[in-house]
Amino acid sequence: MKSKKAMLIGEHAVELLFAGLVIIAIVAVGVMVFNNLRNQQEVKMAQNQLESLKSIIEELQKDGGTKEYLILNPSDWAVVGWPYISSSSSAWPKYCEQNGWVRCLCMCDVKVSSWKNFKGGASNPNVLKDYCDINKICMQIKATKFKVNPVETWFPFINSDLKPLLINDAIKSSGGKIIISYDKNKDELRIDQP
């Protein structure tokens, strides 16, 4: 009698274990599908943002001036101008390089955890270029001078490197407003936070 009970308990334990594994597998597949759909939606939003920025830049390059733009999504992305840091830097998105662009503007997905290693500056532009290469959401910039979110300082010994314009930071600091300006006399394009 005890052996039959033990067999029944053993069979039920195996059935419960198998059912638990099936449930875990179904949840994992559901999470993967959800993440894939979300990523596709973010890529589309980034493409739309870049198209809007392109239209504004082309309009400003005709007459010069400044325009305010509201950029709210995708929130874990960054607007990055290349060349990043200096023209001597070897870090360059492959997409921009393959198109022969001297300067380019990219929307880059930076939500991965290693981004924290250089959030406040540009300690590794090679990693940043890799983020920009993932989705290839870039456009050519034809202005002679081009700056995105420049770090301007009055200390003469500090290099005024550029840093990416993090959309999350723009949302926190200015409600998502960014300023796009073009000086026709200097042929200089700037994209800054207010």
C-alpha atoms as a PDB file:
ATOM      1  CA  MET A   1       0.000   0.000   0.000  1.00  0.00           C
ATOM      2  CA  LYS A   2       2.771   2.399   0.889  1.00  0.00           C
ATOM      3  CA  SER A   3       4.576   1.704  -2.366  1.00  0.00           C
ATOM      4  CA  LYS A   4       1.433   2.591  -4.383  1.00  0.00           C
ATOM      5  CA  LYS A   5       1.091   5.873  -2.478  1.00  0.00           C
ATOM      6  CA  ALA A   6       4.777   6.592  -2.988  1.00  0.00           C
ATOM      7  CA  MET A   7       4.420   5.887  -6.735  1.00  0.00           C
ATOM      8  CA  LEU A   8       1.345   8.136  -6.959  1.00  0.00           C
ATOM      9  CA  ILE A   9       3.116  10.945  -5.090  1.00  0.00           C
ATOM     10  CA  GLY A  10       6.163  10.506  -7.332  1.00  0.00           C
ATOM     11  CA  GLU A  11       4.020  10.613 -10.481  1.00  0.00           C
ATOM     12  CA  HIS A  12       2.209  13.755  -9.279  1.00  0.00           C
ATOM     13  CA  ALA A  13       5.519  15.393  -8.397  1.00  0.00           C
ATOM     14  CA  VAL A  14       6.821  14.720 -11.909  1.00  0.00           C
ATOM     15  CA  GLU A  15       3.574  16.037 -13.435  1.00  0.00           C
ATOM     16  CA  LEU A  16       3.747  19.185 -11.278  1.00  0.00           C
ATOM     17  CA  LEU A  17       7.395  19.712 -12.138  1.00  0.00           C
ATOM     18  CA  PHE A  18       6.659  19.295 -15.843  1.00  0.00           C
ATOM     19  CA  ALA A  19       3.675  21.686 -15.630  1.00  0.00           C
ATOM     20  CA  GLY A  20       5.850  24.244 -13.827  1.00  0.00           C
ATOM     21  CA  LEU A  21       8.519  24.024 -16.550  1.00  0.00           C
ATOM     22  CA  VAL A  22       5.879  24.469 -19.262  1.00  0.00           C
ATOM     23  CA  ILE A  23       4.508  27.565 -17.505  1.00  0.00           C
ATOM     24  CA  ILE A  24       8.023  29.031 -17.167  1.00  0.00           C
ATOM     25  CA  ALA A  25       8.686  28.390 -20.870  1.00  0.00           C
ATOM     26  CA  ILE A  26       5.395  30.060 -21.886  1.00  0.00           C
ATOM     27  CA  VAL A  27       6.171  33.123 -19.744  1.00  0.00           C
ATOM     28  CA  ALA A  28       9.710  33.341 -21.179  1.00  0.00           C
ATOM     29  CA  VAL A  29       8.413  33.217 -24.761  1.00  0.00           C
ATOM     30  CA  GLY A  30       5.813  35.864 -23.924  1.00  0.00           C
ATOM     31  CA  VAL A  31       8.480  38.171 -22.472  1.00  0.00           C
ATOM     32  CA  MET A  32      10.688  37.695 -25.548  1.00  0.00           C
ATOM     33  CA  VAL A  33       7.814  38.507 -27.912  1.00  0.00           C
ATOM     34  CA  PHE A  34       6.859  41.577 -25.856  1.00  0.00           C
ATOM     35  CA  ASN A  35      10.462  42.857 -25.802  1.00  0.00           C
ATOM     36  CA  ASN A  36      10.827  42.310 -29.543  1.00  0.00           C
ATOM     37  CA  LEU A  37       7.648  44.279 -30.264  1.00  0.00           C
ATOM     38  CA  ARG A  38       8.721  47.055 -27.901  1.00  0.00           C
ATOM     39  CA  ASN A  39      12.160  47.257 -29.554  1.00  0.00           C
ATOM     40  CA  GLN A  40      10.572  47.479 -33.002  1.00  0.00           C
ATOM     41  CA  GLN A  41       8.323  50.288 -31.754  1.00  0.00           C
ATOM     42  CA  GLU A  42      11.314  52.170 -30.284  1.00  0.00           C
ATOM     43  CA  VAL A  43      13.257  51.862 -33.555  1.00  0.00           C
ATOM     44  CA  LYS A  44      10.282  53.293 -35.452  1.00  0.00           C
ATOM     45  CA  MET A  45       9.990  56.172 -32.949  1.00  0.00           C
ATOM     46  CA  ALA A  46      13.725  56.906 -33.279  1.00  0.00           C
ATOM     47  CA  GLN A  47      13.461  56.899 -37.091  1.00  0.00           C
ATOM     48  CA  ASN A  48      10.536  59.344 -36.869  1.00  0.00           C
ATOM     49  CA  GLN A  49      12.458  61.601 -34.465  1.00  0.00           C
ATOM     50  CA  LEU A  50      15.466  61.660 -36.788  1.00  0.00           C
ATOM     51  CA  GLU A  51      13.241  62.521 -39.764  1.00  0.00           C
ATOM     52  CA  SER A  52      11.740  65.404 -37.778  1.00  0.00           C
ATOM     53  CA  LEU A  53      15.203  66.630 -36.791  1.00  0.00           C
ATOM     54  CA  LYS A  54      16.315  66.361 -40.421  1.00  0.00           C
ATOM     55  CA  SER A  55      13.395  68.519 -41.579  1.00  0.00           C
ATOM     56  CA  ILE A  56      14.144  71.159 -38.942  1.00  0.00           C
ATOM     57  CA  ILE A  57      17.855  71.188 -39.772  1.00  0.00           C
ATOM     58  CA  GLU A  58      17.194  71.523 -43.513  1.00  0.00           C
ATOM     59  CA  GLU A  59      14.760  74.387 -42.843  1.00  0.00           C
ATOM     60  CA  LEU A  60      17.259  76.176 -40.577  1.00  0.00           C
ATOM     61  CA  GLN A  61      20.109  75.755 -43.061  1.00  0.00           C
ATOM     62  CA  LYS A  62      18.181  77.817 -45.622  1.00  0.00           C
ATOM     63  CA  ASP A  63      17.918  80.981 -43.523  1.00  0.00           C
ATOM     64  CA  GLY A  64      19.687  80.316 -40.220  1.00  0.00           C
ATOM     65  CA  GLY A  65      18.058  80.725 -36.841  1.00  0.00           C
ATOM     66  CA  THR A  66      16.972  78.709 -33.840  1.00  0.00           C
ATOM     67  CA  LYS A  67      14.116  76.333 -33.262  1.00  0.00           C
ATOM     68  CA  GLU A  68      12.855  74.597 -30.150  1.00  0.00           C
ATOM     69  CA  TYR A  69      11.905  70.940 -30.522  1.00  0.00           C
ATOM     70  CA  LEU A  70      10.191  68.540 -28.115  1.00  0.00           C
ATOM     71  CA  ILE A  71      11.846  65.130 -28.007  1.00  0.00           C
ATOM     72  CA  LEU A  72      10.235  62.643 -25.616  1.00  0.00           C
ATOM     73  CA  ASN A  73      10.804  59.239 -27.089  1.00  0.00           C
ATOM     74  CA  PRO A  74      12.269  56.748 -27.270  1.00  0.00           C
ATOM     75  CA  SER A  75      13.285  57.723 -23.750  1.00  0.00           C
ATOM     76  CA  ASP A  76      16.246  55.378 -23.233  1.00  0.00           C
ATOM     77  CA  TRP A  77      18.012  56.596 -26.363  1.00  0.00           C
ATOM     78  CA  ALA A  78      20.494  59.381 -27.088  1.00  0.00           C
ATOM     79  CA  VAL A  79      21.074  61.910 -29.841  1.00  0.00           C
ATOM     80  CA  VAL A  80      24.763  61.694 -30.771  1.00  0.00           C
ATOM     81  CA  GLY A  81      26.794  63.833 -33.134  1.00  0.00           C
ATOM     82  CA  TRP A  82      29.817  62.472 -34.982  1.00  0.00           C
ATOM     83  CA  PRO A  83      32.730  63.027 -35.049  1.00  0.00           C
ATOM     84  CA  TYR A  84      32.549  62.462 -31.351  1.00  0.00           C
ATOM     85  CA  ILE A  85      35.206  64.205 -29.212  1.00  0.00           C
ATOM     86  CA  SER A  86      37.499  65.156 -32.076  1.00  0.00           C
ATOM     87  CA  SER A  87      38.000  64.533 -35.763  1.00  0.00           C
ATOM     88  CA  SER A  88      41.108  62.492 -34.913  1.00  0.00           C
ATOM     89  CA  SER A  89      39.056  59.957 -32.977  1.00  0.00           C
ATOM     90  CA  SER A  90      38.840  56.563 -34.643  1.00  0.00           C
ATOM     91  CA  ALA A  91      35.417  55.960 -33.120  1.00  0.00           C
ATOM     92  CA  TRP A  92      32.920  56.304 -35.922  1.00  0.00           C
ATOM     93  CA  PRO A  93      29.632  54.501 -36.650  1.00  0.00           C
ATOM     94  CA  LYS A  94      30.106  52.092 -39.549  1.00  0.00           C
ATOM     95  CA  TYR A  95      26.890  53.300 -41.185  1.00  0.00           C
ATOM     96  CA  CYS A  96      28.202  56.877 -41.380  1.00  0.00           C
ATOM     97  CA  GLU A  97      31.626  55.718 -42.504  1.00  0.00           C
ATOM     98  CA  GLN A  98      30.235  53.447 -45.236  1.00  0.00           C
ATOM     99  CA  ASN A  99      28.213  56.366 -46.609  1.00  0.00           C
ATOM    100  CA  GLY A 100      31.302  58.589 -46.667  1.00  0.00           C
ATOM    101  CA  TRP A 101      29.789  61.166 -44.328  1.00  0.00           C
ATOM    102  CA  VAL A 102      32.217  63.594 -42.676  1.00  0.00           C
ATOM    103  CA  ARG A 103      29.666  64.499 -39.986  1.00  0.00           C
ATOM    104  CA  CYS A 104      26.531  62.654 -38.974  1.00  0.00           C
ATOM    105  CA  LEU A 105      23.754  62.680 -36.399  1.00  0.00           C
ATOM    106  CA  CYS A 106      22.530  59.399 -34.924  1.00  0.00           C
ATOM    107  CA  MET A 107      19.757  58.193 -32.640  1.00  0.00           C
ATOM    108  CA  CYS A 108      21.341  55.474 -30.481  1.00  0.00           C
ATOM    109  CA  ASP A 109      19.745  52.956 -28.121  1.00  0.00           C
ATOM    110  CA  VAL A 110      21.703  53.310 -24.868  1.00  0.00           C
ATOM    111  CA  LYS A 111      19.495  51.555 -22.324  1.00  0.00           C
ATOM    112  CA  VAL A 112      21.960  48.731 -21.701  1.00  0.00           C
ATOM    113  CA  SER A 113      23.564  48.664 -18.266  1.00  0.00           C
ATOM    114  CA  SER A 114      27.156  49.268 -19.418  1.00  0.00           C
ATOM    115  CA  TRP A 115      26.071  52.748 -20.550  1.00  0.00           C
ATOM    116  CA  LYS A 116      26.505  53.861 -16.926  1.00  0.00           C
ATOM    117  CA  ASN A 117      30.277  53.521 -17.379  1.00  0.00           C
ATOM    118  CA  PHE A 118      30.409  56.743 -19.381  1.00  0.00           C
ATOM    119  CA  LYS A 119      27.068  58.459 -18.942  1.00  0.00           C
ATOM    120  CA  GLY A 120      28.582  61.734 -17.750  1.00  0.00           C
ATOM    121  CA  GLY A 121      31.230  61.954 -20.441  1.00  0.00           C
ATOM    122  CA  ALA A 122      32.923  60.137 -23.225  1.00  0.00           C
ATOM    123  CA  SER A 123      35.285  57.697 -21.600  1.00  0.00           C
ATOM    124  CA  ASN A 124      34.750  55.160 -24.367  1.00  0.00           C
ATOM    125  CA  PRO A 125      33.416  56.476 -27.674  1.00  0.00           C
ATOM    126  CA  ASN A 126      34.082  53.057 -29.257  1.00  0.00           C
ATOM    127  CA  VAL A 127      31.320  51.585 -27.096  1.00  0.00           C
ATOM    128  CA  LEU A 128      28.999  54.481 -27.965  1.00  0.00           C
ATOM    129  CA  LYS A 129      29.597  53.977 -31.706  1.00  0.00           C
ATOM    130  CA  ASP A 130      28.650  50.327 -31.283  1.00  0.00           C
ATOM    131  CA  TYR A 131      25.308  51.400 -29.796  1.00  0.00           C
ATOM    132  CA  CYS A 132      24.778  53.676 -32.790  1.00  0.00           C
ATOM    133  CA  ASP A 133      25.650  50.857 -35.206  1.00  0.00           C
ATOM    134  CA  ILE A 134      22.966  48.528 -33.838  1.00  0.00           C
ATOM    135  CA  ASN A 135      19.999  50.195 -35.569  1.00  0.00           C
ATOM    136  CA  LYS A 136      21.795  52.445 -38.118  1.00  0.00           C
ATOM    137  CA  ILE A 137      19.500  55.419 -37.484  1.00  0.00           C
ATOM    138  CA  CYS A 138      21.788  58.186 -38.726  1.00  0.00           C
ATOM    139  CA  MET A 139      21.764  61.110 -41.136  1.00  0.00           C
ATOM    140  CA  GLN A 140      24.434  63.190 -42.821  1.00  0.00           C
ATOM    141  CA  ILE A 141      25.163  66.676 -41.482  1.00  0.00           C
ATOM    142  CA  LYS A 142      26.453  69.082 -44.103  1.00  0.00           C
ATOM    143  CA  ALA A 143      27.425  72.011 -41.822  1.00  0.00           C
ATOM    144  CA  THR A 144      31.148  72.748 -41.475  1.00  0.00           C
ATOM    145  CA  LYS A 145      30.875  72.956 -37.674  1.00  0.00           C
ATOM    146  CA  PHE A 146      28.600  70.638 -35.749  1.00  0.00           C
ATOM    147  CA  LYS A 147      28.046  70.259 -31.995  1.00  0.00           C
ATOM    148  CA  VAL A 148      25.592  68.161 -30.031  1.00  0.00           C
ATOM    149  CA  ASN A 149      25.262  68.975 -26.331  1.00  0.00           C
ATOM    150  CA  PRO A 150      28.740  70.510 -26.001  1.00  0.00           C
ATOM    151  CA  VAL A 151      30.345  70.592 -22.586  1.00  0.00           C
ATOM    152  CA  GLU A 152      31.462  74.177 -22.332  1.00  0.00           C
ATOM    153  CA  THR A 153      33.776  75.176 -19.531  1.00  0.00           C
ATOM    154  CA  TRP A 154      35.764  78.211 -18.512  1.00  0.00           C
ATOM    155  CA  PHE A 155      38.714  76.042 -17.357  1.00  0.00           C
ATOM    156  CA  PRO A 156      41.299  76.337 -20.164  1.00  0.00           C
ATOM    157  CA  PHE A 157      42.943  73.010 -19.296  1.00  0.00           C
ATOM    158  CA  ILE A 158      39.751  70.969 -19.616  1.00  0.00           C
ATOM    159  CA  ASN A 159      38.995  69.573 -23.053  1.00  0.00           C
ATOM    160  CA  SER A 160      35.484  70.635 -24.052  1.00  0.00           C
ATOM    161  CA  ASP A 161      34.417  67.234 -25.292  1.00  0.00           C
ATOM    162  CA  LEU A 162      30.973  66.570 -26.603  1.00  0.00           C
ATOM    163  CA  LYS A 163      28.638  64.256 -24.808  1.00  0.00           C
ATOM    164  CA  PRO A 164      25.511  62.524 -26.060  1.00  0.00           C
ATOM    165  CA  LEU A 165      22.198  64.241 -25.511  1.00  0.00           C
ATOM    166  CA  LEU A 166      20.341  61.673 -23.417  1.00  0.00           C
ATOM    167  CA  ILE A 167      16.623  61.907 -24.066  1.00  0.00           C
ATOM    168  CA  ASN A 168      15.842  60.919 -20.454  1.00  0.00           C
ATOM    169  CA  ASP A 169      18.023  63.799 -19.214  1.00  0.00           C
ATOM    170  CA  ALA A 170      16.336  66.242 -21.601  1.00  0.00           C
ATOM    171  CA  ILE A 171      12.935  65.128 -20.291  1.00  0.00           C
ATOM    172  CA  LYS A 172      14.039  65.571 -16.654  1.00  0.00           C
ATOM    173  CA  SER A 173      15.767  68.920 -17.114  1.00  0.00           C
ATOM    174  CA  SER A 174      13.556  70.702 -19.633  1.00  0.00           C
ATOM    175  CA  GLY A 175      10.454  68.604 -20.217  1.00  0.00           C
ATOM    176  CA  GLY A 176      12.032  67.173 -23.384  1.00  0.00           C
ATOM    177  CA  LYS A 177      12.837  70.505 -25.043  1.00  0.00           C
ATOM    178  CA  ILE A 178      15.974  70.759 -27.115  1.00  0.00           C
ATOM    179  CA  ILE A 179      17.299  73.722 -29.057  1.00  0.00           C
ATOM    180  CA  ILE A 180      18.469  73.356 -32.647  1.00  0.00           C
ATOM    181  CA  SER A 181      20.338  76.369 -33.991  1.00  0.00           C
ATOM    182  CA  TYR A 182      22.177  77.124 -37.206  1.00  0.00           C
ATOM    183  CA  ASP A 183      24.516  80.073 -37.727  1.00  0.00           C
ATOM    184  CA  LYS A 184      24.608  80.623 -41.469  1.00  0.00           C
ATOM    185  CA  ASN A 185      27.664  82.915 -41.318  1.00  0.00           C
ATOM    186  CA  LYS A 186      29.765  80.343 -39.438  1.00  0.00           C
ATOM    187  CA  ASP A 187      28.066  77.329 -41.069  1.00  0.00           C
ATOM    188  CA  GLU A 188      27.637  75.947 -37.553  1.00  0.00           C
ATOM    189  CA  LEU A 189      24.844  73.615 -36.385  1.00  0.00           C
ATOM    190  CA  ARG A 190      24.215  73.078 -32.659  1.00  0.00           C
ATOM    191  CA  ILE A 191      21.795  70.827 -30.826  1.00  0.00           C
ATOM    192  CA  ASP A 192      21.592  71.595 -27.091  1.00  0.00           C
ATOM    193  CA  GLN A 193      19.418  71.334 -24.048  1.00  0.00           C
ATOM    194  CA  PRO A 194      18.039  74.725 -22.952  1.00  0.00           C
END
